[in-house]
Amino acid sequence: MNNSSLILLLKNFDKQRLKEFSSFVKSPYFNTNKALVSLFEYIRKQHPEFSPDKLEKKYVYKKIFGKTEFNDGFFRVLMSNLQHLAEEYLSLKGYQKETLLKKKFLLDQLMEDPDNRKLAEKVLNEGLKDAEKIQPDGPDDFLGKYFMAFYRKYIYSKNFSATKDNMPAEHMYDEQKYLTYYFLLRMLADHFYHLNQSQIINYTPKLIFVDEIITFLEKNPEYLEFPTLNMTYLRVLLLKNNKIEDLYKLKRAFYASFRELGHKDCFNIISIIINFCHKNYFLTEDVKFLEEKLEILMFGIDNGITSFDKDDHFDNNRYNNLFGTLIEFDRIDEAESFINEYGPKLDPEEQNFWVNYSMAELKSKRGKYDEALDHLSKIRNVKTVSYKLNLKSLQLRLYYDAGLIEQAISAADSFRHFIQKESLMNPIYNEQYRNFYSYYLKLLGLSSGKNAKAANELKESLLPIKNVIHKKWLMERINF
């Protein structure tokens, strides 16, 4: 019972929320089952410890029902019903925050009876005033405004008579305007999601209406004066077209308006720029992409945009990108300072991997291979594909640099099997590691002979190849 959905849900309730939910459960409008009240009040007394011993099913049943014989089926139904009430309570809490949505549903009910017309008009006027006060932050704000605009036109049409005084005012087009904003924001956000996912994993997204939306916004640029919509539009363009001029457009607009955006939007925009620069750096080997990547990473650090939720731990991917970019530029001392300052700010469950991985990379750069391997040996239970690739490729480089050729050969074979069966990853990133593996094997072949001619041929064949992870390391090792 301690790991049931109900208990896991109630564990996240603070004292105030438990108090409110107690009133909710005891309300005859929502619940007439006294056994549910007894079950909740017992569970409530276990807060905040929720000791497993005191939440064992038969123990709880006896506490509530005394000597009555335990009935597992009945108790499961009670648990399920109490969870349903908890979900209803949370839904109501969310609903209460939506002022315009409440007005919309009230108007739905009032408009069913013509006798309620005056009251409906009063509620609508209140809703219109509330809508006017809202400074839109996202699509749902426009949806609330749309509902009020819809009912304004609906009531107007009910009372319409063809006179000069009843000519439609400009605000009668608000319904179109707000619904258009909502549609654009939702559709572009959805396109952005799928385009972004396709940068990471191997699938082709369906982009319904994307070209039509782009054409519409080009013809109606006034919509792009809303910063959130403009940012969403520009990042879709960047991912769809993959052009550096779209990167510069997005950066300029972002720097000019990031204070008007929500924290999560800012984090996402920085992530998109990072991923775009990372991919194109490996595809083109143009260092300007690496410079752009470092610039936006430092912008995020300087402005406290280091996690999706404002007060959350430092994001793992952001940590890896900034550390890795400093390493790419051979800014080793800065990389060490970065580990020391931001490693402790990672999620405690992620610190083991990222701190030891980055320290191993740092020690490797300084030629302290035994210390680097010692850090790698401390890493446990790696499940994420990208983490495994980071770990395995560093392990291969360390074995080679430390002169552990037998271990390198064995690890290379394991790496080959891993990348061959890994079909989830985006082909561009999979290719980076396949290319690295291919030349790593050839490098191992060179190490046994130290043949200058063969080394030169290998270097000449690698030089024009793009999209190779750790290419700089390979080139340095070929030039033995």
Protein backbone atom coordinates (compact mmCIF):
# COMPACT_ATOMS: atom_id res chain seq x y z
CA MET A 1 0.00 0.00 0.00
CA ASN A 2 2.90 2.37 0.71
CA ASN A 3 3.83 2.40 -2.99
CA SER A 4 0.26 2.68 -4.25
CA SER A 5 -0.71 5.57 -6.53
CA LEU A 6 -2.91 6.97 -3.76
CA ILE A 7 -0.14 7.13 -1.15
CA LEU A 8 2.39 8.48 -3.64
CA LEU A 9 -0.11 11.21 -4.52
CA LEU A 10 -0.90 12.13 -0.90
CA LYS A 11 2.79 12.19 0.04
CA ASN A 12 3.10 15.31 -2.10
CA PHE A 13 0.32 17.12 -0.23
CA ASP A 14 1.46 19.66 2.34
CA LYS A 15 -0.50 20.28 5.58
CA GLN A 16 -2.68 22.98 4.03
CA ARG A 17 -3.59 20.80 1.07
CA LEU A 18 -4.35 17.85 3.36
CA LYS A 19 -6.63 20.10 5.40
CA GLU A 20 -8.47 21.25 2.29
CA PHE A 21 -8.77 17.71 0.98
CA SER A 22 -10.18 16.59 4.33
CA SER A 23 -13.01 19.12 3.91
CA PHE A 24 -13.44 17.92 0.34
CA VAL A 25 -13.78 14.25 1.36
CA LYS A 26 -16.23 15.14 4.13
CA SER A 27 -18.42 17.22 1.82
CA PRO A 28 -21.65 15.29 1.06
CA TYR A 29 -21.69 16.86 -2.40
CA PHE A 30 -18.49 15.03 -3.36
CA ASN A 31 -18.65 11.99 -1.08
CA THR A 32 -21.30 10.17 0.96
CA ASN A 33 -19.19 7.14 1.86
CA LYS A 34 -18.13 7.37 5.52
CA ALA A 35 -15.58 4.58 5.07
CA LEU A 36 -13.65 6.84 2.68
CA VAL A 37 -13.57 9.56 5.33
CA SER A 38 -12.19 7.07 7.87
CA LEU A 39 -9.58 5.78 5.41
CA PHE A 40 -8.38 9.28 4.56
CA GLU A 41 -8.26 10.46 8.17
CA TYR A 42 -6.15 7.42 9.06
CA ILE A 43 -3.75 8.06 6.15
CA ARG A 44 -3.63 11.76 7.02
CA LYS A 45 -2.34 10.94 10.52
CA GLN A 46 0.65 9.18 8.95
CA HIS A 47 1.87 12.42 7.33
CA PRO A 48 4.72 13.19 6.77
CA GLU A 49 6.53 9.94 7.66
CA PHE A 50 4.10 7.51 5.98
CA SER A 51 5.75 4.57 7.71
CA PRO A 52 5.37 1.36 5.62
CA ASP A 53 4.50 -0.66 8.74
CA LYS A 54 1.52 1.58 9.47
CA LEU A 55 0.35 1.46 5.86
CA GLU A 56 0.23 -2.32 5.49
CA LYS A 57 -3.23 -3.18 4.10
CA LYS A 58 -4.45 -5.57 6.79
CA TYR A 59 -3.10 -3.32 9.55
CA VAL A 60 -4.94 -0.30 8.11
CA TYR A 61 -8.13 -2.33 7.63
CA LYS A 62 -8.09 -3.44 11.25
CA LYS A 63 -7.51 0.13 12.46
CA ILE A 64 -10.52 1.35 10.50
CA PHE A 65 -12.97 -1.56 10.75
CA GLY A 66 -11.88 -3.27 13.98
CA LYS A 67 -12.47 -7.02 14.13
CA THR A 68 -14.29 -7.22 10.79
CA GLU A 69 -12.69 -9.87 8.58
CA PHE A 70 -10.26 -8.40 6.04
CA ASN A 71 -11.76 -8.07 2.54
CA ASP A 72 -9.06 -7.34 -0.02
CA GLY A 73 -11.46 -6.57 -2.88
CA PHE A 74 -13.48 -4.12 -0.79
CA PHE A 75 -10.31 -2.42 0.45
CA ARG A 76 -9.00 -2.03 -3.12
CA VAL A 77 -12.26 -0.36 -4.12
CA LEU A 78 -11.94 2.04 -1.16
CA MET A 79 -8.39 2.92 -2.17
CA SER A 80 -9.45 3.46 -5.77
CA ASN A 81 -12.39 5.67 -4.77
CA LEU A 82 -10.26 7.77 -2.43
CA GLN A 83 -7.70 8.24 -5.20
CA HIS A 84 -10.51 9.32 -7.52
CA LEU A 85 -11.57 11.94 -4.94
CA ALA A 86 -7.98 13.16 -4.66
CA GLU A 87 -7.83 13.56 -8.44
CA GLU A 88 -11.16 15.41 -8.42
CA TYR A 89 -9.84 17.74 -5.72
CA LEU A 90 -6.69 18.52 -7.71
CA SER A 91 -8.75 19.12 -10.85
CA LEU A 92 -10.94 21.56 -8.93
CA LYS A 93 -7.84 23.35 -7.58
CA GLY A 94 -6.61 23.83 -11.13
CA TYR A 95 -10.04 24.96 -12.32
CA GLN A 96 -10.31 27.56 -9.56
CA LYS A 97 -7.18 29.28 -10.87
CA GLU A 98 -8.73 29.76 -14.33
CA THR A 99 -10.95 32.82 -13.89
CA LEU A 100 -12.06 33.05 -17.50
CA LEU A 101 -12.62 29.31 -17.82
CA LYS A 102 -14.95 29.46 -14.81
CA LYS A 103 -16.83 32.32 -16.47
CA LYS A 104 -17.06 30.31 -19.69
CA PHE A 105 -18.65 27.28 -18.00
CA LEU A 106 -20.99 29.51 -16.02
CA LEU A 107 -22.11 31.18 -19.23
CA ASP A 108 -22.61 27.74 -20.81
CA GLN A 109 -25.14 26.96 -18.09
CA LEU A 110 -26.82 30.37 -17.97
CA MET A 111 -27.38 30.54 -21.71
CA GLU A 112 -29.49 27.36 -21.59
CA ASP A 113 -32.36 29.42 -20.13
CA PRO A 114 -33.49 32.70 -21.80
CA ASP A 115 -34.64 33.98 -18.41
CA ASN A 116 -30.98 34.19 -17.34
CA ARG A 117 -30.06 36.68 -20.07
CA LYS A 118 -29.46 39.67 -17.79
CA LEU A 119 -27.37 37.62 -15.40
CA ALA A 120 -25.43 36.18 -18.34
CA GLU A 121 -24.70 39.70 -19.60
CA LYS A 122 -23.49 40.71 -16.14
CA VAL A 123 -21.17 37.65 -15.95
CA LEU A 124 -19.91 38.35 -19.47
CA ASN A 125 -19.10 41.99 -18.67
CA GLU A 126 -17.13 40.85 -15.62
CA GLY A 127 -15.32 38.30 -17.79
CA LEU A 128 -14.51 40.88 -20.45
CA LYS A 129 -12.97 43.15 -17.80
CA ASP A 130 -10.91 40.24 -16.45
CA ALA A 131 -9.81 39.35 -19.99
CA GLU A 132 -8.72 42.92 -20.67
CA LYS A 133 -6.43 42.85 -17.63
CA ILE A 134 -4.60 39.71 -18.78
CA GLN A 135 -1.22 40.23 -20.41
CA PRO A 136 -0.92 37.03 -22.47
CA ASP A 137 1.97 34.78 -21.58
CA GLY A 138 1.00 31.69 -23.55
CA PRO A 139 -1.71 30.05 -25.66
CA ASP A 140 -4.13 29.36 -22.79
CA ASP A 141 -4.37 33.07 -22.01
CA PHE A 142 -5.62 33.65 -25.56
CA LEU A 143 -8.05 30.78 -25.19
CA GLY A 144 -9.64 32.46 -22.15
CA LYS A 145 -9.89 35.72 -24.06
CA TYR A 146 -11.42 33.84 -26.99
CA PHE A 147 -14.20 32.37 -24.81
CA MET A 148 -15.20 35.85 -23.63
CA ALA A 149 -15.07 37.22 -27.19
CA PHE A 150 -17.17 34.29 -28.36
CA TYR A 151 -19.90 34.98 -25.81
CA ARG A 152 -19.83 38.72 -26.53
CA LYS A 153 -20.60 37.99 -30.19
CA TYR A 154 -23.09 35.27 -29.26
CA ILE A 155 -25.13 37.57 -27.01
CA TYR A 156 -24.81 40.39 -29.56
CA SER A 157 -26.24 38.11 -32.27
CA LYS A 158 -29.11 37.09 -29.97
CA ASN A 159 -30.10 40.76 -29.49
CA PHE A 160 -29.28 41.86 -33.05
CA SER A 161 -31.54 44.16 -35.02
CA ALA A 162 -30.57 45.76 -38.33
CA THR A 163 -30.07 49.39 -37.30
CA LYS A 164 -27.22 51.87 -37.73
CA ASP A 165 -26.57 51.72 -34.01
CA ASN A 166 -25.99 47.97 -34.24
CA MET A 167 -23.15 48.01 -36.78
CA PRO A 168 -20.48 45.48 -35.65
CA ALA A 169 -17.69 47.16 -33.69
CA GLU A 170 -14.01 46.34 -34.22
CA HIS A 171 -13.95 44.19 -31.06
CA MET A 172 -16.37 41.78 -32.77
CA TYR A 173 -13.31 40.43 -34.60
CA ASP A 174 -11.56 39.58 -31.31
CA GLU A 175 -12.84 36.02 -31.51
CA GLN A 176 -10.92 35.50 -34.77
CA LYS A 177 -7.82 37.24 -33.43
CA TYR A 178 -7.57 35.32 -30.16
CA LEU A 179 -8.36 31.95 -31.72
CA THR A 180 -5.70 32.62 -34.36
CA TYR A 181 -3.11 33.40 -31.68
CA TYR A 182 -4.07 30.24 -29.81
CA PHE A 183 -3.88 28.10 -32.97
CA LEU A 184 -0.54 29.55 -34.06
CA LEU A 185 1.05 29.12 -30.64
CA ARG A 186 -0.20 25.57 -30.18
CA MET A 187 0.63 24.39 -33.70
CA LEU A 188 4.08 25.96 -33.75
CA ALA A 189 4.84 24.57 -30.29
CA ASP A 190 3.82 21.12 -31.51
CA HIS A 191 5.94 21.44 -34.66
CA PHE A 192 8.84 22.63 -32.54
CA TYR A 193 8.50 19.60 -30.26
CA HIS A 194 8.58 17.13 -33.13
CA LEU A 195 11.37 18.90 -34.99
CA ASN A 196 13.42 19.01 -31.81
CA GLN A 197 12.80 15.34 -31.05
CA SER A 198 13.84 14.42 -34.59
CA GLN A 199 17.21 16.07 -33.88
CA ILE A 200 17.75 13.53 -31.11
CA ILE A 201 16.00 10.32 -32.13
CA ASN A 202 15.46 8.63 -35.48
CA TYR A 203 12.06 9.58 -36.88
CA THR A 204 10.52 11.92 -39.45
CA PRO A 205 7.93 14.29 -37.97
CA LYS A 206 4.59 15.19 -39.60
CA LEU A 207 4.35 18.97 -39.91
CA ILE A 208 0.72 19.76 -40.70
CA PHE A 209 0.09 23.38 -41.84
CA VAL A 210 3.67 24.45 -41.15
CA ASP A 211 4.20 26.01 -44.59
CA GLU A 212 0.79 27.67 -44.46
CA ILE A 213 1.58 29.09 -41.03
CA ILE A 214 4.91 30.47 -42.20
CA THR A 215 3.24 32.09 -45.22
CA PHE A 216 0.52 33.56 -43.02
CA LEU A 217 3.02 35.09 -40.59
CA GLU A 218 5.09 36.53 -43.42
CA LYS A 219 1.95 38.27 -44.71
CA ASN A 220 0.74 39.28 -41.22
CA PRO A 221 3.91 40.22 -39.30
CA GLU A 222 1.90 42.08 -36.64
CA TYR A 223 1.27 38.71 -34.98
CA LEU A 224 5.01 38.36 -34.42
CA GLU A 225 5.02 41.44 -32.20
CA PHE A 226 3.97 39.04 -29.42
CA PRO A 227 7.41 37.83 -28.17
CA THR A 228 6.36 34.28 -27.25
CA LEU A 229 4.89 33.67 -30.70
CA ASN A 230 7.89 35.25 -32.41
CA MET A 231 10.31 33.01 -30.49
CA THR A 232 8.28 29.89 -31.23
CA TYR A 233 8.12 30.80 -34.92
CA LEU A 234 11.85 31.55 -35.20
CA ARG A 235 12.95 28.33 -33.51
CA VAL A 236 10.67 26.30 -35.80
CA LEU A 237 12.30 28.06 -38.78
CA LEU A 238 15.76 27.25 -37.42
CA LEU A 239 15.05 23.54 -37.02
CA LYS A 240 13.09 23.26 -40.26
CA ASN A 241 15.56 25.12 -42.52
CA ASN A 242 18.85 24.48 -40.68
CA LYS A 243 20.29 27.80 -41.90
CA ILE A 244 22.74 29.98 -40.00
CA GLU A 245 20.85 33.15 -40.96
CA ASP A 246 17.87 31.75 -39.03
CA LEU A 247 20.20 31.22 -36.06
CA TYR A 248 21.19 34.88 -36.11
CA LYS A 249 17.53 35.97 -36.37
CA LEU A 250 16.62 33.86 -33.37
CA LYS A 251 19.58 35.07 -31.31
CA ARG A 252 18.89 38.75 -32.02
CA ALA A 253 15.23 38.42 -31.14
CA PHE A 254 16.03 36.37 -28.03
CA TYR A 255 18.60 38.80 -26.66
CA ALA A 256 16.17 41.67 -27.24
CA SER A 257 13.15 40.07 -25.55
CA PHE A 258 14.31 37.31 -23.16
CA ARG A 259 13.20 39.33 -20.11
CA GLU A 260 9.64 39.29 -21.45
CA LEU A 261 9.63 35.51 -21.84
CA GLY A 262 9.01 32.82 -19.27
CA HIS A 263 11.98 31.00 -17.75
CA LYS A 264 11.08 27.70 -19.46
CA ASP A 265 10.84 29.39 -22.85
CA CYS A 266 14.28 30.93 -22.35
CA PHE A 267 15.75 27.58 -21.35
CA ASN A 268 14.25 25.87 -24.42
CA ILE A 269 15.48 28.55 -26.82
CA ILE A 270 19.03 28.26 -25.49
CA SER A 271 18.83 24.47 -25.81
CA ILE A 272 17.75 24.74 -29.45
CA ILE A 273 20.65 27.05 -30.27
CA ILE A 274 23.08 24.72 -28.48
CA ASN A 275 21.84 21.66 -30.38
CA PHE A 276 21.88 23.48 -33.72
CA CYS A 277 25.46 24.67 -33.20
CA HIS A 278 26.62 21.28 -31.93
CA LYS A 279 25.23 19.43 -34.92
CA ASN A 280 26.52 21.90 -37.50
CA TYR A 281 29.96 22.12 -35.93
CA PHE A 282 30.47 18.41 -36.53
CA LEU A 283 28.89 18.50 -39.98
CA THR A 284 30.97 21.47 -41.19
CA GLU A 285 33.90 21.69 -38.74
CA ASP A 286 33.41 25.46 -38.88
CA VAL A 287 34.59 26.82 -35.53
CA LYS A 288 32.07 29.68 -35.67
CA PHE A 289 29.39 27.18 -34.60
CA LEU A 290 31.48 26.23 -31.58
CA GLU A 291 31.95 29.92 -30.74
CA GLU A 292 28.20 30.55 -31.05
CA LYS A 293 27.55 27.55 -28.82
CA LEU A 294 29.88 28.80 -26.11
CA GLU A 295 28.41 32.31 -26.31
CA ILE A 296 24.82 31.14 -25.74
CA LEU A 297 25.93 28.76 -22.97
CA MET A 298 27.65 31.60 -21.12
CA PHE A 299 24.60 33.80 -21.69
CA GLY A 300 22.52 31.16 -19.92
CA ILE A 301 24.97 30.99 -17.00
CA ASP A 302 25.15 34.79 -16.68
CA ASN A 303 21.35 35.09 -16.61
CA GLY A 304 20.61 32.13 -14.35
CA ILE A 305 18.99 30.06 -17.13
CA THR A 306 20.56 26.73 -16.21
CA SER A 307 17.52 24.51 -15.61
CA PHE A 308 14.06 24.01 -17.11
CA ASP A 309 12.37 24.94 -13.84
CA LYS A 310 13.84 28.10 -12.36
CA ASP A 311 14.79 26.73 -8.95
CA ASP A 312 15.70 23.21 -10.08
CA HIS A 313 19.13 21.59 -10.16
CA PHE A 314 21.62 22.52 -12.87
CA ASP A 315 20.52 20.72 -16.05
CA ASN A 316 22.67 17.68 -16.94
CA ASN A 317 22.81 18.37 -20.68
CA ARG A 318 23.59 22.04 -20.09
CA TYR A 319 26.43 20.99 -17.76
CA ASN A 320 27.82 18.52 -20.32
CA ASN A 321 27.57 21.01 -23.18
CA LEU A 322 29.37 23.79 -21.35
CA PHE A 323 32.07 21.54 -19.95
CA GLY A 324 32.57 19.83 -23.31
CA THR A 325 32.81 23.11 -25.19
CA LEU A 326 35.46 24.44 -22.80
CA ILE A 327 37.39 21.21 -23.37
CA GLU A 328 37.05 21.60 -27.16
CA PHE A 329 38.69 25.02 -26.84
CA ASP A 330 41.40 23.56 -24.51
CA ARG A 331 40.31 25.93 -21.73
CA ILE A 332 41.28 23.32 -19.15
CA ASP A 333 41.57 25.53 -16.07
CA GLU A 334 38.17 27.08 -16.75
CA ALA A 335 36.72 23.59 -17.21
CA GLU A 336 38.07 22.55 -13.80
CA SER A 337 36.61 25.66 -12.15
CA PHE A 338 33.31 24.88 -13.84
CA ILE A 339 33.26 21.34 -12.40
CA ASN A 340 34.02 22.62 -8.92
CA GLU A 341 31.36 25.34 -9.04
CA TYR A 342 28.52 23.61 -10.85
CA GLY A 343 29.07 19.89 -10.22
CA PRO A 344 27.54 20.22 -6.71
CA LYS A 345 24.51 21.97 -8.24
CA LEU A 346 23.53 18.94 -10.33
CA ASP A 347 20.74 16.63 -9.22
CA PRO A 348 22.31 14.41 -6.50
CA GLU A 349 21.23 11.32 -8.44
CA GLU A 350 23.16 12.56 -11.51
CA GLN A 351 26.27 13.86 -9.79
CA ASN A 352 28.00 10.49 -9.67
CA PHE A 353 28.01 10.18 -13.44
CA TRP A 354 28.65 13.74 -14.54
CA VAL A 355 31.26 14.76 -11.95
CA ASN A 356 33.27 11.57 -12.39
CA TYR A 357 32.89 11.65 -16.17
CA SER A 358 34.00 15.30 -16.45
CA MET A 359 36.86 14.77 -13.99
CA ALA A 360 38.00 11.76 -16.05
CA GLU A 361 37.97 13.90 -19.20
CA LEU A 362 39.88 16.65 -17.39
CA LYS A 363 42.51 14.26 -16.01
CA SER A 364 42.89 12.74 -19.47
CA LYS A 365 43.61 16.17 -20.93
CA ARG A 366 46.37 16.59 -18.36
CA GLY A 367 47.86 13.18 -19.14
CA LYS A 368 46.88 11.65 -15.78
CA TYR A 369 45.35 8.52 -17.26
CA ASP A 370 45.36 6.36 -14.13
CA GLU A 371 43.47 9.03 -12.21
CA ALA A 372 41.07 9.40 -15.14
CA LEU A 373 40.36 5.66 -15.22
CA ASP A 374 39.86 5.71 -11.47
CA HIS A 375 37.11 8.30 -11.90
CA LEU A 376 35.45 6.16 -14.58
CA SER A 377 35.52 3.14 -12.26
CA LYS A 378 33.35 5.08 -9.77
CA ILE A 379 30.47 5.45 -12.25
CA ARG A 380 27.54 3.10 -11.64
CA ASN A 381 24.19 2.15 -13.24
CA VAL A 382 24.27 4.10 -16.51
CA LYS A 383 20.98 3.71 -18.40
CA THR A 384 20.68 6.72 -20.72
CA VAL A 385 21.96 6.06 -24.26
CA SER A 386 23.79 9.39 -24.60
CA TYR A 387 25.51 8.84 -21.24
CA LYS A 388 26.68 5.40 -22.34
CA LEU A 389 28.12 6.80 -25.56
CA ASN A 390 30.00 9.51 -23.66
CA LEU A 391 31.33 6.96 -21.22
CA LYS A 392 32.33 4.31 -23.75
CA SER A 393 34.06 6.73 -26.13
CA LEU A 394 36.06 8.27 -23.26
CA GLN A 395 36.97 4.79 -22.04
CA LEU A 396 38.34 3.94 -25.50
CA ARG A 397 40.44 7.09 -25.62
CA LEU A 398 41.81 6.49 -22.12
CA TYR A 399 42.78 2.88 -22.82
CA TYR A 400 44.71 3.99 -25.88
CA ASP A 401 46.46 6.89 -24.16
CA ALA A 402 47.35 4.72 -21.17
CA GLY A 403 48.85 2.08 -23.48
CA LEU A 404 46.28 -0.54 -22.47
CA ILE A 405 45.89 -1.90 -25.98
CA GLU A 406 44.30 -5.27 -25.07
CA GLN A 407 41.64 -3.48 -23.03
CA ALA A 408 41.20 -1.01 -25.89
CA ILE A 409 40.57 -3.82 -28.39
CA SER A 410 38.05 -5.50 -26.12
CA ALA A 411 36.26 -2.22 -25.35
CA ALA A 412 36.20 -1.33 -29.06
CA ASP A 413 34.42 -4.57 -29.86
CA SER A 414 31.84 -3.87 -27.14
CA PHE A 415 31.41 -0.34 -28.52
CA ARG A 416 30.82 -1.70 -32.04
CA HIS A 417 28.01 -3.96 -30.82
CA PHE A 418 26.44 -1.10 -28.89
CA ILE A 419 26.27 1.38 -31.79
CA GLN A 420 25.14 -1.31 -34.24
CA LYS A 421 22.07 -2.23 -32.22
CA GLU A 422 21.26 1.33 -31.11
CA SER A 423 18.54 2.36 -33.58
CA LEU A 424 16.79 5.01 -31.47
CA MET A 425 19.45 7.69 -31.87
CA ASN A 426 19.28 10.29 -34.64
CA PRO A 427 21.33 9.03 -37.63
CA ILE A 428 23.53 12.15 -37.62
CA TYR A 429 24.70 11.46 -34.07
CA ASN A 430 24.95 7.74 -34.66
CA GLU A 431 27.21 8.49 -37.63
CA GLN A 432 29.51 10.58 -35.42
CA TYR A 433 30.25 7.58 -33.24
CA ARG A 434 30.42 5.08 -36.10
CA ASN A 435 33.02 7.25 -37.81
CA PHE A 436 34.97 7.54 -34.58
CA TYR A 437 34.91 3.77 -34.08
CA SER A 438 36.07 3.15 -37.65
CA TYR A 439 39.13 5.37 -37.33
CA TYR A 440 39.80 4.26 -33.77
CA LEU A 441 40.24 0.70 -35.05
CA LYS A 442 42.65 1.92 -37.73
CA LEU A 443 44.53 3.87 -35.07
CA LEU A 444 44.88 0.69 -33.00
CA GLY A 445 46.31 -1.00 -36.08
CA LEU A 446 48.90 1.74 -36.42
CA SER A 447 49.96 1.49 -32.79
CA SER A 448 51.48 -1.94 -33.33
CA GLY A 449 53.67 -0.87 -36.25
CA LYS A 450 54.40 2.85 -35.97
CA ASN A 451 54.46 3.03 -39.77
CA ALA A 452 54.89 6.69 -40.81
CA LYS A 453 53.57 6.08 -44.32
CA ALA A 454 50.46 4.28 -43.06
CA ALA A 455 49.91 7.03 -40.48
CA ASN A 456 50.09 9.72 -43.14
CA GLU A 457 47.63 7.84 -45.35
CA LEU A 458 45.24 7.45 -42.42
CA LYS A 459 45.50 11.14 -41.59
CA GLU A 460 44.85 12.09 -45.22
CA SER A 461 41.78 9.85 -45.35
CA LEU A 462 40.38 11.22 -42.06
CA LEU A 463 40.98 14.89 -42.85
CA PRO A 464 38.06 15.37 -45.29
CA ILE A 465 35.62 13.22 -43.30
CA LYS A 466 32.99 15.28 -41.48
CA ASN A 467 30.77 14.38 -38.55
CA VAL A 468 33.35 12.53 -36.47
CA ILE A 469 33.18 12.76 -32.68
CA HIS A 470 36.64 13.32 -31.09
CA LYS A 471 38.21 13.97 -34.51
CA LYS A 472 40.76 16.33 -32.99
CA TRP A 473 41.89 13.55 -30.62
CA LEU A 474 42.20 11.08 -33.49
CA MET A 475 44.28 13.48 -35.59
CA GLU A 476 46.64 14.15 -32.69
CA ARG A 477 47.16 10.41 -32.08
CA ILE A 478 47.79 9.67 -35.76
CA ASN A 479 50.58 12.27 -35.73
CA PHE A 480 52.66 10.14 -33.35
